[in-house]
Amino acid sequence: MPRVRIAVGCHPHNARYYDDGLEAELRRLLADPRVAALGEIGLDYHYDFSPRDDQRAAFRRQLRLAKECGLPVALHLREAHDEALAIMRDEGFPEAGTLLHCFNLDWPALEPWIAEGCYVAFGGALTFKASEGTREAAARVPANRLLTETDAPYMAPEPMRGTSCGPAHVVFTAERLAEVRGCEPGEERAAFLEQLMQNARGLLDRSATDWQKEARL
């Protein structure tokens, strides 16, 4: 399936297992030219399934690995955006890009990430009645930094909320995002949706990096 793109990484829930052996396996997987990003990585201080010191250590090691491999990172952050931003600034943002996965907070939380040139993906939470702050944030993101996503099988958008989310449901999120940004149906909305597609392809539909080519030899 040549058009499939893959992200691989150690999720913060599993950070307690991150060691040299896991990193060696991660390197093996990253060498696949279909791999377009290292993720989801980051910090989850809501569930704390892994100790926070382990989360921070695994996050830092994977940021360094992503830069070595020339790949963007996809971030899972929950109740930890400020600390994650400090770590990213300390380690340096990967030149290949940084994607905030499934963002559902407000503009003050998002603005410093946008100032660093990050991409942001909005999922079904954008459509929820209580997500006015998230919609306000979405309206202010530069058009060339926006993506949509499913977070499948979770967070199905309205009017499908409560069902198992799948790729087909992204049309509801994209429609709500267009409305939030004042894109009227017709040519204006079509151009906006095309921009979303180009953003995703530009970030993730990438050729093998030099590191991946060498790793496959």
C-alpha atoms as a PDB file:
ATOM      1  CA  MET A   1       0.000   0.000   0.000  1.00  0.00           C
ATOM      2  CA  PRO A   2       2.366   2.716  -1.214  1.00  0.00           C
ATOM      3  CA  ARG A   3       0.111   5.656  -0.246  1.00  0.00           C
ATOM      4  CA  VAL A   4      -0.133   4.613   3.398  1.00  0.00           C
ATOM      5  CA  ARG A   5       1.982   6.645   5.805  1.00  0.00           C
ATOM      6  CA  ILE A   6       2.855   5.487   9.303  1.00  0.00           C
ATOM      7  CA  ALA A   7       3.814   7.118  12.589  1.00  0.00           C
ATOM      8  CA  VAL A   8       5.693   5.097  15.197  1.00  0.00           C
ATOM      9  CA  GLY A   9       6.799   6.082  18.678  1.00  0.00           C
ATOM     10  CA  CYS A  10       6.578   5.347  22.378  1.00  0.00           C
ATOM     11  CA  HIS A  11       3.405   6.924  23.768  1.00  0.00           C
ATOM     12  CA  PRO A  12       3.778   8.651  27.142  1.00  0.00           C
ATOM     13  CA  HIS A  13       1.505   6.021  28.696  1.00  0.00           C
ATOM     14  CA  ASN A  14       4.270   3.479  27.957  1.00  0.00           C
ATOM     15  CA  ALA A  15       7.250   5.681  28.763  1.00  0.00           C
ATOM     16  CA  ARG A  16       8.206   3.523  31.748  1.00  0.00           C
ATOM     17  CA  TYR A  17       9.242   0.823  29.273  1.00  0.00           C
ATOM     18  CA  TYR A  18      11.556   3.088  27.259  1.00  0.00           C
ATOM     19  CA  ASP A  19      15.123   1.783  27.342  1.00  0.00           C
ATOM     20  CA  ASP A  20      17.967   1.107  24.937  1.00  0.00           C
ATOM     21  CA  GLY A  21      16.316  -2.072  23.686  1.00  0.00           C
ATOM     22  CA  LEU A  22      13.038  -0.316  22.920  1.00  0.00           C
ATOM     23  CA  GLU A  23      14.905   2.482  21.174  1.00  0.00           C
ATOM     24  CA  ALA A  24      16.760  -0.051  19.027  1.00  0.00           C
ATOM     25  CA  GLU A  25      13.413  -1.528  17.966  1.00  0.00           C
ATOM     26  CA  LEU A  26      12.081   1.955  17.327  1.00  0.00           C
ATOM     27  CA  ARG A  27      15.046   2.692  15.070  1.00  0.00           C
ATOM     28  CA  ARG A  28      14.325  -0.481  13.120  1.00  0.00           C
ATOM     29  CA  LEU A  29      10.731   0.585  12.584  1.00  0.00           C
ATOM     30  CA  LEU A  30      11.639   4.166  11.696  1.00  0.00           C
ATOM     31  CA  ALA A  31      13.817   2.898   8.853  1.00  0.00           C
ATOM     32  CA  ASP A  32      10.688   1.896   6.912  1.00  0.00           C
ATOM     33  CA  PRO A  33      10.326   4.590   4.210  1.00  0.00           C
ATOM     34  CA  ARG A  34       6.573   4.650   4.770  1.00  0.00           C
ATOM     35  CA  VAL A  35       7.153   6.068   8.263  1.00  0.00           C
ATOM     36  CA  ALA A  36       6.409   9.787   8.036  1.00  0.00           C
ATOM     37  CA  ALA A  37       6.537  10.851  11.684  1.00  0.00           C
ATOM     38  CA  LEU A  38       7.729   9.859  15.130  1.00  0.00           C
ATOM     39  CA  GLY A  39       4.722   9.776  17.407  1.00  0.00           C
ATOM     40  CA  GLU A  40       2.600   9.939  19.342  1.00  0.00           C
ATOM     41  CA  ILE A  41       5.151  11.123  21.869  1.00  0.00           C
ATOM     42  CA  GLY A  42       4.850  13.658  24.657  1.00  0.00           C
ATOM     43  CA  LEU A  43       3.485  13.967  28.182  1.00  0.00           C
ATOM     44  CA  ASP A  44       0.203  12.820  29.706  1.00  0.00           C
ATOM     45  CA  TYR A  45      -0.248  14.195  33.221  1.00  0.00           C
ATOM     46  CA  HIS A  46      -3.948  13.336  33.328  1.00  0.00           C
ATOM     47  CA  TYR A  47      -3.631   9.561  33.591  1.00  0.00           C
ATOM     48  CA  ASP A  48       0.022   9.326  34.676  1.00  0.00           C
ATOM     49  CA  PHE A  49       0.202   5.713  33.542  1.00  0.00           C
ATOM     50  CA  SER A  50       3.987   6.183  33.534  1.00  0.00           C
ATOM     51  CA  PRO A  51       5.928   8.164  36.136  1.00  0.00           C
ATOM     52  CA  ARG A  52       6.475  11.738  35.048  1.00  0.00           C
ATOM     53  CA  ASP A  53      10.257  11.462  35.175  1.00  0.00           C
ATOM     54  CA  ASP A  54      10.023   8.504  32.781  1.00  0.00           C
ATOM     55  CA  GLN A  55       7.689  10.474  30.508  1.00  0.00           C
ATOM     56  CA  ARG A  56      10.074  13.405  30.365  1.00  0.00           C
ATOM     57  CA  ALA A  57      13.081  11.184  29.689  1.00  0.00           C
ATOM     58  CA  ALA A  58      11.360   9.228  26.911  1.00  0.00           C
ATOM     59  CA  PHE A  59      10.086  12.462  25.371  1.00  0.00           C
ATOM     60  CA  ARG A  60      13.564  13.975  25.260  1.00  0.00           C
ATOM     61  CA  ARG A  61      15.173  10.851  23.821  1.00  0.00           C
ATOM     62  CA  GLN A  62      12.575  10.581  21.075  1.00  0.00           C
ATOM     63  CA  LEU A  63      12.887  14.257  20.167  1.00  0.00           C
ATOM     64  CA  ARG A  64      16.604  13.707  19.645  1.00  0.00           C
ATOM     65  CA  LEU A  65      15.888  10.590  17.617  1.00  0.00           C
ATOM     66  CA  ALA A  66      13.394  12.400  15.399  1.00  0.00           C
ATOM     67  CA  LYS A  67      15.963  15.074  14.596  1.00  0.00           C
ATOM     68  CA  GLU A  68      18.558  12.423  13.840  1.00  0.00           C
ATOM     69  CA  CYS A  69      16.132  10.669  11.478  1.00  0.00           C
ATOM     70  CA  GLY A  70      14.938  13.891   9.835  1.00  0.00           C
ATOM     71  CA  LEU A  71      11.299  13.189  10.728  1.00  0.00           C
ATOM     72  CA  PRO A  72       8.540  15.371  12.217  1.00  0.00           C
ATOM     73  CA  VAL A  73       7.042  14.561  15.601  1.00  0.00           C
ATOM     74  CA  ALA A  74       3.374  14.081  16.464  1.00  0.00           C
ATOM     75  CA  LEU A  75       2.706  15.146  20.044  1.00  0.00           C
ATOM     76  CA  HIS A  76       0.236  13.757  22.568  1.00  0.00           C
ATOM     77  CA  LEU A  77      -0.065  16.325  25.367  1.00  0.00           C
ATOM     78  CA  ARG A  78      -2.560  16.266  28.190  1.00  0.00           C
ATOM     79  CA  GLU A  79      -2.453  18.683  31.107  1.00  0.00           C
ATOM     80  CA  ALA A  80       1.223  19.235  30.267  1.00  0.00           C
ATOM     81  CA  HIS A  81       1.406  21.774  27.428  1.00  0.00           C
ATOM     82  CA  ASP A  82       3.551  24.295  29.295  1.00  0.00           C
ATOM     83  CA  GLU A  83       6.129  21.756  30.427  1.00  0.00           C
ATOM     84  CA  ALA A  84       6.205  20.103  27.009  1.00  0.00           C
ATOM     85  CA  LEU A  85       6.811  23.473  25.363  1.00  0.00           C
ATOM     86  CA  ALA A  86       9.715  24.125  27.728  1.00  0.00           C
ATOM     87  CA  ILE A  87      11.223  20.736  26.857  1.00  0.00           C
ATOM     88  CA  MET A  88      10.761  21.359  23.126  1.00  0.00           C
ATOM     89  CA  ARG A  89      12.485  24.723  23.394  1.00  0.00           C
ATOM     90  CA  ASP A  90      15.301  23.174  25.392  1.00  0.00           C
ATOM     91  CA  GLU A  91      15.818  20.273  22.963  1.00  0.00           C
ATOM     92  CA  GLY A  92      15.024  22.242  19.814  1.00  0.00           C
ATOM     93  CA  PHE A  93      12.087  21.770  17.473  1.00  0.00           C
ATOM     94  CA  PRO A  94      12.686  19.240  14.658  1.00  0.00           C
ATOM     95  CA  GLU A  95      13.265  20.977  11.338  1.00  0.00           C
ATOM     96  CA  ALA A  96      10.927  18.460   9.712  1.00  0.00           C
ATOM     97  CA  GLY A  97       8.004  19.798  11.737  1.00  0.00           C
ATOM     98  CA  THR A  98       5.942  19.398  14.889  1.00  0.00           C
ATOM     99  CA  LEU A  99       2.272  18.413  14.946  1.00  0.00           C
ATOM    100  CA  LEU A 100       0.005  18.951  17.956  1.00  0.00           C
ATOM    101  CA  HIS A 101      -2.267  15.928  17.830  1.00  0.00           C
ATOM    102  CA  CYS A 102      -5.998  16.282  18.569  1.00  0.00           C
ATOM    103  CA  PHE A 103      -5.848  19.761  20.076  1.00  0.00           C
ATOM    104  CA  ASN A 104      -8.860  20.610  22.264  1.00  0.00           C
ATOM    105  CA  LEU A 105      -7.810  23.604  24.386  1.00  0.00           C
ATOM    106  CA  ASP A 106      -8.024  27.369  23.857  1.00  0.00           C
ATOM    107  CA  TRP A 107      -5.993  30.019  22.040  1.00  0.00           C
ATOM    108  CA  PRO A 108      -3.773  31.052  24.986  1.00  0.00           C
ATOM    109  CA  ALA A 109      -2.620  27.420  25.243  1.00  0.00           C
ATOM    110  CA  LEU A 110      -2.084  27.143  21.490  1.00  0.00           C
ATOM    111  CA  GLU A 111      -0.565  30.512  20.615  1.00  0.00           C
ATOM    112  CA  PRO A 112       3.024  29.813  21.780  1.00  0.00           C
ATOM    113  CA  TRP A 113       3.091  26.610  19.742  1.00  0.00           C
ATOM    114  CA  ILE A 114       1.910  28.422  16.624  1.00  0.00           C
ATOM    115  CA  ALA A 115       4.583  31.057  17.264  1.00  0.00           C
ATOM    116  CA  GLU A 116       7.131  28.226  17.073  1.00  0.00           C
ATOM    117  CA  GLY A 117       5.801  27.217  13.634  1.00  0.00           C
ATOM    118  CA  CYS A 118       3.961  24.078  14.733  1.00  0.00           C
ATOM    119  CA  TYR A 119       1.075  22.424  12.922  1.00  0.00           C
ATOM    120  CA  VAL A 120      -2.143  21.664  14.788  1.00  0.00           C
ATOM    121  CA  ALA A 121      -4.708  18.943  14.089  1.00  0.00           C
ATOM    122  CA  PHE A 122      -8.323  19.274  15.213  1.00  0.00           C
ATOM    123  CA  GLY A 123     -10.487  16.222  15.729  1.00  0.00           C
ATOM    124  CA  GLY A 124     -14.104  15.626  16.645  1.00  0.00           C
ATOM    125  CA  ALA A 125     -13.843  17.641  19.869  1.00  0.00           C
ATOM    126  CA  LEU A 126     -13.966  20.768  17.698  1.00  0.00           C
ATOM    127  CA  THR A 127     -17.648  20.045  17.040  1.00  0.00           C
ATOM    128  CA  PHE A 128     -18.706  19.489  20.676  1.00  0.00           C
ATOM    129  CA  LYS A 129     -21.098  22.031  22.163  1.00  0.00           C
ATOM    130  CA  ALA A 130     -18.744  22.830  25.050  1.00  0.00           C
ATOM    131  CA  SER A 131     -15.722  23.438  22.793  1.00  0.00           C
ATOM    132  CA  GLU A 132     -16.189  27.127  22.066  1.00  0.00           C
ATOM    133  CA  GLY A 133     -12.651  27.917  23.222  1.00  0.00           C
ATOM    134  CA  THR A 134     -11.250  25.322  20.861  1.00  0.00           C
ATOM    135  CA  ARG A 135     -13.245  26.757  17.961  1.00  0.00           C
ATOM    136  CA  GLU A 136     -11.958  30.233  18.775  1.00  0.00           C
ATOM    137  CA  ALA A 137      -8.415  28.857  18.675  1.00  0.00           C
ATOM    138  CA  ALA A 138      -9.058  27.106  15.358  1.00  0.00           C
ATOM    139  CA  ALA A 139     -10.272  30.346  13.842  1.00  0.00           C
ATOM    140  CA  ARG A 140      -6.928  32.007  14.615  1.00  0.00           C
ATOM    141  CA  VAL A 141      -4.481  29.384  13.337  1.00  0.00           C
ATOM    142  CA  PRO A 142      -2.694  30.307  10.089  1.00  0.00           C
ATOM    143  CA  ALA A 143      -4.299  28.385   7.238  1.00  0.00           C
ATOM    144  CA  ASN A 144      -1.015  26.705   6.306  1.00  0.00           C
ATOM    145  CA  ARG A 145      -0.702  25.143   9.788  1.00  0.00           C
ATOM    146  CA  LEU A 146      -4.122  23.458  10.030  1.00  0.00           C
ATOM    147  CA  LEU A 147      -4.941  19.752   9.788  1.00  0.00           C
ATOM    148  CA  THR A 148      -7.962  17.603  10.601  1.00  0.00           C
ATOM    149  CA  GLU A 149      -7.924  14.135  12.130  1.00  0.00           C
ATOM    150  CA  THR A 150     -10.122  11.406  13.553  1.00  0.00           C
ATOM    151  CA  ASP A 151      -8.383  10.217  16.733  1.00  0.00           C
ATOM    152  CA  ALA A 152     -10.137   6.966  15.767  1.00  0.00           C
ATOM    153  CA  PRO A 153     -11.826   5.159  17.363  1.00  0.00           C
ATOM    154  CA  TYR A 154     -12.411   7.998  19.856  1.00  0.00           C
ATOM    155  CA  MET A 155     -13.981  11.475  19.768  1.00  0.00           C
ATOM    156  CA  ALA A 156     -16.463  10.950  16.965  1.00  0.00           C
ATOM    157  CA  PRO A 157     -17.723  14.389  15.916  1.00  0.00           C
ATOM    158  CA  GLU A 158     -21.262  15.674  16.087  1.00  0.00           C
ATOM    159  CA  PRO A 159     -23.657  14.363  14.796  1.00  0.00           C
ATOM    160  CA  MET A 160     -21.936  10.966  15.184  1.00  0.00           C
ATOM    161  CA  ARG A 161     -20.872  11.438  18.802  1.00  0.00           C
ATOM    162  CA  GLY A 162     -21.149   8.254  20.829  1.00  0.00           C
ATOM    163  CA  THR A 163     -20.237   6.004  17.910  1.00  0.00           C
ATOM    164  CA  SER A 164     -16.860   4.547  17.004  1.00  0.00           C
ATOM    165  CA  CYS A 165     -14.979   7.213  15.057  1.00  0.00           C
ATOM    166  CA  GLY A 166     -13.468   6.412  11.664  1.00  0.00           C
ATOM    167  CA  PRO A 167     -11.836   8.210   8.736  1.00  0.00           C
ATOM    168  CA  ALA A 168     -15.176   8.904   7.055  1.00  0.00           C
ATOM    169  CA  HIS A 169     -16.198  11.064  10.021  1.00  0.00           C
ATOM    170  CA  VAL A 170     -13.522  13.666   9.341  1.00  0.00           C
ATOM    171  CA  VAL A 171     -15.930  15.340   6.909  1.00  0.00           C
ATOM    172  CA  PHE A 172     -17.983  16.590   9.867  1.00  0.00           C
ATOM    173  CA  THR A 173     -14.931  18.034  11.580  1.00  0.00           C
ATOM    174  CA  ALA A 174     -13.715  19.647   8.367  1.00  0.00           C
ATOM    175  CA  GLU A 175     -17.156  21.181   7.761  1.00  0.00           C
ATOM    176  CA  ARG A 176     -17.237  22.661  11.262  1.00  0.00           C
ATOM    177  CA  LEU A 177     -13.704  23.958  10.877  1.00  0.00           C
ATOM    178  CA  ALA A 178     -14.644  25.676   7.622  1.00  0.00           C
ATOM    179  CA  GLU A 179     -17.680  27.261   9.302  1.00  0.00           C
ATOM    180  CA  VAL A 180     -15.574  28.480  12.223  1.00  0.00           C
ATOM    181  CA  ARG A 181     -13.217  30.176   9.791  1.00  0.00           C
ATOM    182  CA  GLY A 182     -16.042  31.756   7.809  1.00  0.00           C
ATOM    183  CA  CYS A 183     -15.480  29.772   4.624  1.00  0.00           C
ATOM    184  CA  GLU A 184     -18.747  29.780   2.700  1.00  0.00           C
ATOM    185  CA  PRO A 185     -19.854  26.699   0.715  1.00  0.00           C
ATOM    186  CA  GLY A 186     -18.631  26.798  -2.856  1.00  0.00           C
ATOM    187  CA  GLU A 187     -15.268  27.821  -4.225  1.00  0.00           C
ATOM    188  CA  GLU A 188     -14.071  29.405  -0.985  1.00  0.00           C
ATOM    189  CA  ARG A 189     -14.735  26.279   1.040  1.00  0.00           C
ATOM    190  CA  ALA A 190     -13.316  24.013  -1.647  1.00  0.00           C
ATOM    191  CA  ALA A 191     -10.097  26.031  -1.631  1.00  0.00           C
ATOM    192  CA  PHE A 192      -9.916  25.804   2.157  1.00  0.00           C
ATOM    193  CA  LEU A 193     -10.394  22.027   2.152  1.00  0.00           C
ATOM    194  CA  GLU A 194      -7.722  21.722  -0.529  1.00  0.00           C
ATOM    195  CA  GLN A 195      -5.405  23.727   1.734  1.00  0.00           C
ATOM    196  CA  LEU A 196      -6.020  21.240   4.558  1.00  0.00           C
ATOM    197  CA  MET A 197      -5.125  18.375   2.252  1.00  0.00           C
ATOM    198  CA  GLN A 198      -1.969  20.068   1.055  1.00  0.00           C
ATOM    199  CA  ASN A 199      -0.932  20.802   4.642  1.00  0.00           C
ATOM    200  CA  ALA A 200      -1.275  17.132   5.545  1.00  0.00           C
ATOM    201  CA  ARG A 201       0.567  15.956   2.465  1.00  0.00           C
ATOM    202  CA  GLY A 202       3.319  18.496   2.882  1.00  0.00           C
ATOM    203  CA  LEU A 203       3.969  17.402   6.448  1.00  0.00           C
ATOM    204  CA  LEU A 204       3.347  13.655   6.220  1.00  0.00           C
ATOM    205  CA  ASP A 205       3.313  12.409   2.609  1.00  0.00           C
ATOM    206  CA  ARG A 206       7.074  12.596   2.358  1.00  0.00           C
ATOM    207  CA  SER A 207       9.837  10.751   0.596  1.00  0.00           C
ATOM    208  CA  ALA A 208      12.288   8.667   2.576  1.00  0.00           C
ATOM    209  CA  THR A 209      14.763  10.770   4.523  1.00  0.00           C
ATOM    210  CA  ASP A 210      18.515  10.393   3.998  1.00  0.00           C
ATOM    211  CA  TRP A 211      18.685   8.611   7.357  1.00  0.00           C
ATOM    212  CA  GLN A 212      16.004   6.136   6.290  1.00  0.00           C
ATOM    213  CA  LYS A 213      17.770   5.448   3.000  1.00  0.00           C
ATOM    214  CA  GLU A 214      21.053   4.745   4.769  1.00  0.00           C
ATOM    215  CA  ALA A 215      19.373   2.664   7.468  1.00  0.00           C
ATOM    216  CA  ARG A 216      17.831   0.397   4.831  1.00  0.00           C
ATOM    217  CA  LEU A 217      21.184  -0.406   3.191  1.00  0.00           C
END
